[in-house]
Amino acid sequence: MTPEGREFVQTLKLAAVAVVCAVLTATVVIGAGEAFLRRSQTAESAPSLLIPATN
């Protein structure tokens, strides 16, 4: 394999690792956010995310 071919393969490997890390990070952040929101919201104290319209 030529040096350029090795560099290309190495680049593809690094890109795959970056994609996997990004997906795992997003999964952890979204999961933590959902857990935090579920824990902090109750039926009585759930804040309204909608802003009432004024005419």
N, C-alpha and C. Protein backbone atom coordinates (compact mmCIF):
# COMPACT_ATOMS: atom_id res chain seq x y z
N MET A 1 0.86 -1.17 0.00
CA MET A 1 0.00 0.00 0.00
C MET A 1 0.90 1.24 0.00
N THR A 2 0.49 2.22 -0.76
CA THR A 2 1.28 3.45 -0.85
C THR A 2 1.08 4.28 0.41
N PRO A 3 2.00 5.19 0.65
CA PRO A 3 1.83 6.06 1.82
C PRO A 3 0.53 6.88 1.77
N GLU A 4 0.14 7.29 0.56
CA GLU A 4 -1.12 8.04 0.43
C GLU A 4 -2.32 7.16 0.80
N GLY A 5 -2.25 5.90 0.41
CA GLY A 5 -3.32 4.97 0.74
C GLY A 5 -3.41 4.73 2.23
N ARG A 6 -2.26 4.64 2.89
CA ARG A 6 -2.26 4.46 4.35
C ARG A 6 -2.84 5.69 5.04
N GLU A 7 -2.48 6.86 4.55
CA GLU A 7 -3.02 8.09 5.13
C GLU A 7 -4.54 8.15 4.96
N PHE A 8 -5.02 7.72 3.80
CA PHE A 8 -6.45 7.72 3.54
C PHE A 8 -7.18 6.78 4.49
N VAL A 9 -6.63 5.59 4.67
CA VAL A 9 -7.24 4.61 5.58
C VAL A 9 -7.21 5.14 7.01
N GLN A 10 -6.10 5.75 7.40
CA GLN A 10 -6.00 6.32 8.75
C GLN A 10 -7.03 7.44 8.93
N THR A 11 -7.22 8.25 7.90
CA THR A 11 -8.21 9.33 7.96
C THR A 11 -9.62 8.76 8.13
N LEU A 12 -9.93 7.69 7.39
CA LEU A 12 -11.24 7.07 7.53
C LEU A 12 -11.45 6.49 8.92
N LYS A 13 -10.41 5.90 9.48
CA LYS A 13 -10.52 5.35 10.84
C LYS A 13 -10.78 6.46 11.85
N LEU A 14 -10.03 7.55 11.72
CA LEU A 14 -10.22 8.67 12.65
C LEU A 14 -11.60 9.29 12.50
N ALA A 15 -12.09 9.38 11.27
CA ALA A 15 -13.43 9.92 11.05
C ALA A 15 -14.48 9.01 11.68
N ALA A 16 -14.30 7.70 11.57
CA ALA A 16 -15.25 6.77 12.18
C ALA A 16 -15.23 6.89 13.69
N VAL A 17 -14.06 7.03 14.28
CA VAL A 17 -13.96 7.20 15.73
C VAL A 17 -14.63 8.50 16.15
N ALA A 18 -14.47 9.56 15.37
CA ALA A 18 -15.09 10.85 15.70
C ALA A 18 -16.61 10.75 15.65
N VAL A 19 -17.13 10.04 14.65
CA VAL A 19 -18.58 9.88 14.54
C VAL A 19 -19.12 9.08 15.72
N VAL A 20 -18.46 8.00 16.07
CA VAL A 20 -18.90 7.18 17.20
C VAL A 20 -18.86 7.99 18.49
N CYS A 21 -17.81 8.75 18.70
CA CYS A 21 -17.72 9.57 19.91
C CYS A 21 -18.82 10.63 19.95
N ALA A 22 -19.11 11.24 18.80
CA ALA A 22 -20.16 12.26 18.76
C ALA A 22 -21.52 11.65 19.08
N VAL A 23 -21.80 10.48 18.54
CA VAL A 23 -23.10 9.83 18.80
C VAL A 23 -23.21 9.44 20.27
N LEU A 24 -22.14 8.88 20.82
CA LEU A 24 -22.18 8.49 22.23
C LEU A 24 -22.33 9.70 23.14
N THR A 25 -21.63 10.78 22.83
CA THR A 25 -21.73 11.99 23.64
C THR A 25 -23.15 12.56 23.57
N ALA A 26 -23.72 12.61 22.39
CA ALA A 26 -25.08 13.12 22.24
C ALA A 26 -26.07 12.25 23.01
N THR A 27 -25.88 10.94 22.96
CA THR A 27 -26.77 10.03 23.67
C THR A 27 -26.71 10.27 25.18
N VAL A 28 -25.51 10.44 25.70
CA VAL A 28 -25.35 10.67 27.13
C VAL A 28 -25.95 12.01 27.54
N VAL A 29 -25.70 13.05 26.75
CA VAL A 29 -26.21 14.38 27.09
C VAL A 29 -27.74 14.41 27.04
N ILE A 30 -28.30 13.82 26.00
CA ILE A 30 -29.77 13.79 25.89
C ILE A 30 -30.38 12.97 27.02
N GLY A 31 -29.78 11.83 27.32
CA GLY A 31 -30.28 11.00 28.41
C GLY A 31 -30.21 11.71 29.75
N ALA A 32 -29.11 12.39 30.00
CA ALA A 32 -28.97 13.12 31.26
C ALA A 32 -29.97 14.26 31.33
N GLY A 33 -30.18 14.95 30.23
CA GLY A 33 -31.15 16.04 30.21
C GLY A 33 -32.56 15.56 30.46
N GLU A 34 -32.92 14.45 29.83
CA GLU A 34 -34.26 13.91 30.05
C GLU A 34 -34.44 13.46 31.50
N ALA A 35 -33.43 12.83 32.06
CA ALA A 35 -33.51 12.38 33.45
C ALA A 35 -33.64 13.58 34.38
N PHE A 36 -32.90 14.64 34.11
CA PHE A 36 -32.96 15.84 34.94
C PHE A 36 -34.33 16.48 34.84
N LEU A 37 -34.88 16.58 33.62
CA LEU A 37 -36.19 17.20 33.47
C LEU A 37 -37.28 16.37 34.11
N ARG A 38 -37.21 15.04 33.97
CA ARG A 38 -38.21 14.18 34.59
C ARG A 38 -38.19 14.30 36.10
N ARG A 39 -36.98 14.41 36.65
CA ARG A 39 -36.85 14.48 38.11
C ARG A 39 -37.32 15.83 38.64
N SER A 40 -37.07 16.90 37.88
CA SER A 40 -37.38 18.23 38.39
C SER A 40 -38.83 18.64 38.16
N GLN A 41 -39.53 17.95 37.28
CA GLN A 41 -40.92 18.32 37.01
C GLN A 41 -41.88 17.37 37.71
N THR A 42 -42.86 17.96 38.34
CA THR A 42 -43.95 17.17 38.93
C THR A 42 -45.26 17.72 38.38
N ALA A 43 -46.34 17.05 38.67
CA ALA A 43 -47.64 17.48 38.15
C ALA A 43 -48.02 18.86 38.68
N GLU A 44 -47.66 19.15 39.94
CA GLU A 44 -48.06 20.43 40.54
C GLU A 44 -47.13 21.58 40.14
N SER A 45 -45.87 21.29 39.99
CA SER A 45 -44.92 22.39 39.78
C SER A 45 -44.31 22.40 38.40
N ALA A 46 -44.93 21.73 37.44
CA ALA A 46 -44.38 21.70 36.09
C ALA A 46 -44.51 23.09 35.46
N PRO A 47 -43.39 23.67 35.10
CA PRO A 47 -43.47 24.99 34.47
C PRO A 47 -44.01 24.89 33.05
N SER A 48 -44.78 25.85 32.67
CA SER A 48 -45.33 25.86 31.32
C SER A 48 -44.25 26.32 30.37
N LEU A 49 -44.05 25.56 29.30
CA LEU A 49 -43.04 25.92 28.30
C LEU A 49 -43.65 26.82 27.23
N LEU A 50 -44.97 26.99 27.28
CA LEU A 50 -45.62 27.84 26.30
C LEU A 50 -45.85 29.22 26.86
N ILE A 51 -45.66 30.20 26.04
CA ILE A 51 -45.89 31.59 26.45
C ILE A 51 -47.28 31.98 25.97
N PRO A 52 -48.12 32.48 26.86
CA PRO A 52 -49.47 32.86 26.44
C PRO A 52 -49.42 33.99 25.42
N ALA A 53 -50.25 33.89 24.40
CA ALA A 53 -50.30 34.92 23.37
C ALA A 53 -51.10 36.10 23.86
N THR A 54 -50.65 37.29 23.55
CA THR A 54 -51.40 38.51 23.90
C THR A 54 -51.84 39.17 22.61
N ASN A 55 -53.08 39.57 22.57
CA ASN A 55 -53.61 40.20 21.34
C ASN A 55 -53.67 41.68 21.49
